[in-house]
C-alpha atoms as a PDB file:
ATOM      1  CA  MET A   1     -11.365  48.110  11.079  1.00  0.00           C
ATOM      2  CA  ALA A   2     -10.478  50.162  14.111  1.00  0.00           C
ATOM      3  CA  VAL A   3      -7.329  49.345  16.054  1.00  0.00           C
ATOM      4  CA  LEU A   4      -8.158  48.948  19.748  1.00  0.00           C
ATOM      5  CA  LYS A   5      -4.657  48.214  21.007  1.00  0.00           C
ATOM      6  CA  GLU A   6      -1.228  47.265  19.712  1.00  0.00           C
ATOM      7  CA  SER A   7       1.557  46.148  22.006  1.00  0.00           C
ATOM      8  CA  GLY A   8       4.236  43.633  22.829  1.00  0.00           C
ATOM      9  CA  ILE A   9       3.424  41.067  25.514  1.00  0.00           C
ATOM     10  CA  PRO A  10       6.410  39.771  27.487  1.00  0.00           C
ATOM     11  CA  LEU A  11       6.778  36.109  28.407  1.00  0.00           C
ATOM     12  CA  GLY A  12       4.169  35.018  30.967  1.00  0.00           C
ATOM     13  CA  ARG A  13       2.321  38.366  30.914  1.00  0.00           C
ATOM     14  CA  MET A  14      -1.018  39.555  29.583  1.00  0.00           C
ATOM     15  CA  MET A  15      -2.575  42.545  27.848  1.00  0.00           C
ATOM     16  CA  LEU A  16      -5.927  44.025  28.889  1.00  0.00           C
ATOM     17  CA  VAL A  17      -8.195  45.535  26.224  1.00  0.00           C
ATOM     18  CA  PRO A  18     -11.094  47.543  27.694  1.00  0.00           C
ATOM     19  CA  LYS A  19     -14.550  46.725  26.347  1.00  0.00           C
ATOM     20  CA  SER A  20     -16.557  49.448  24.663  1.00  0.00           C
ATOM     21  CA  GLY A  21     -20.207  49.044  23.840  1.00  0.00           C
ATOM     22  CA  ASN A  22     -21.440  45.504  23.202  1.00  0.00           C
ATOM     23  CA  LEU A  23     -18.185  43.994  21.903  1.00  0.00           C
ATOM     24  CA  THR A  24     -17.711  40.234  22.165  1.00  0.00           C
ATOM     25  CA  LYS A  25     -14.782  37.933  21.339  1.00  0.00           C
ATOM     26  CA  GLU A  26     -16.354  37.251  17.940  1.00  0.00           C
ATOM     27  CA  ASP A  27     -16.140  40.979  17.061  1.00  0.00           C
ATOM     28  CA  LEU A  28     -12.335  41.055  17.392  1.00  0.00           C
ATOM     29  CA  ILE A  29      -9.590  40.426  14.867  1.00  0.00           C
ATOM     30  CA  ILE A  30      -6.277  39.579  16.510  1.00  0.00           C
ATOM     31  CA  GLU A  31      -2.954  39.534  14.680  1.00  0.00           C
ATOM     32  CA  ALA A  32      -0.071  38.024  16.667  1.00  0.00           C
ATOM     33  CA  ASN A  33       3.355  36.633  15.892  1.00  0.00           C
ATOM     34  CA  GLY A  34       2.994  33.822  18.421  1.00  0.00           C
ATOM     35  CA  MET A  35       0.600  31.745  20.498  1.00  0.00           C
ATOM     36  CA  TYR A  36      -1.898  33.497  22.769  1.00  0.00           C
ATOM     37  CA  GLN A  37      -5.040  32.823  24.789  1.00  0.00           C
ATOM     38  CA  LEU A  38      -8.071  35.133  24.593  1.00  0.00           C
ATOM     39  CA  LEU A  39     -10.385  35.435  27.592  1.00  0.00           C
ATOM     40  CA  GLU A  40     -13.497  37.595  27.910  1.00  0.00           C
ATOM     41  CA  LYS A  41     -14.291  39.253  31.234  1.00  0.00           C
ATOM     42  CA  PRO A  42     -17.252  41.554  31.981  1.00  0.00           C
ATOM     43  CA  ASP A  43     -15.183  44.751  31.652  1.00  0.00           C
ATOM     44  CA  CYS A  44     -12.283  43.761  29.349  1.00  0.00           C
ATOM     45  CA  PHE A  45     -10.646  41.198  27.087  1.00  0.00           C
ATOM     46  CA  VAL A  46      -7.496  39.483  28.348  1.00  0.00           C
ATOM     47  CA  ILE A  47      -4.854  38.338  25.874  1.00  0.00           C
ATOM     48  CA  LYS A  48      -2.265  36.110  27.520  1.00  0.00           C
ATOM     49  CA  ASN A  49       1.094  35.218  26.013  1.00  0.00           C
ATOM     50  CA  THR A  50       1.271  31.395  25.911  1.00  0.00           C
ATOM     51  CA  GLU A  51       4.614  31.123  24.112  1.00  0.00           C
ATOM     52  CA  CYS A  52       7.124  29.049  26.055  1.00  0.00           C
ATOM     53  CA  CYS A  53      10.230  31.168  25.494  1.00  0.00           C
ATOM     54  CA  ARG A  54       9.582  34.597  23.955  1.00  0.00           C
ATOM     55  CA  SER A  55       7.606  37.809  23.859  1.00  0.00           C
ATOM     56  CA  ILE A  56       4.956  38.317  21.177  1.00  0.00           C
ATOM     57  CA  LEU A  57       3.576  41.315  19.286  1.00  0.00           C
ATOM     58  CA  VAL A  58      -0.216  41.623  19.244  1.00  0.00           C
ATOM     59  CA  LYS A  59      -2.586  43.925  17.356  1.00  0.00           C
ATOM     60  CA  VAL A  60      -6.278  43.921  18.330  1.00  0.00           C
ATOM     61  CA  MET A  61      -8.850  45.319  15.874  1.00  0.00           C
ATOM     62  CA  THR A  62     -12.609  45.318  15.481  1.00  0.00           C
ATOM     63  CA  LYS A  63     -14.389  43.779  12.495  1.00  0.00           C
ATOM     64  CA  ASP A  64     -16.113  46.086  10.026  1.00  0.00           C
ATOM     65  CA  ALA A  65     -19.807  46.434  10.675  1.00  0.00           C
END
């Protein structure tokens, strides 16, 4: 597993993870200490904090091939 990005996401904000190669949502492993929404755009993945009252910590990794 390779870590792509690790960060805190404040309330109502989002984190952008640039795409590399042919990655899809199914290729990602996401560890978070709260609720989030994952969206896939042509050039990046968007992880949005959907908690109602707090920031969350998120770690985005790729699955082993």
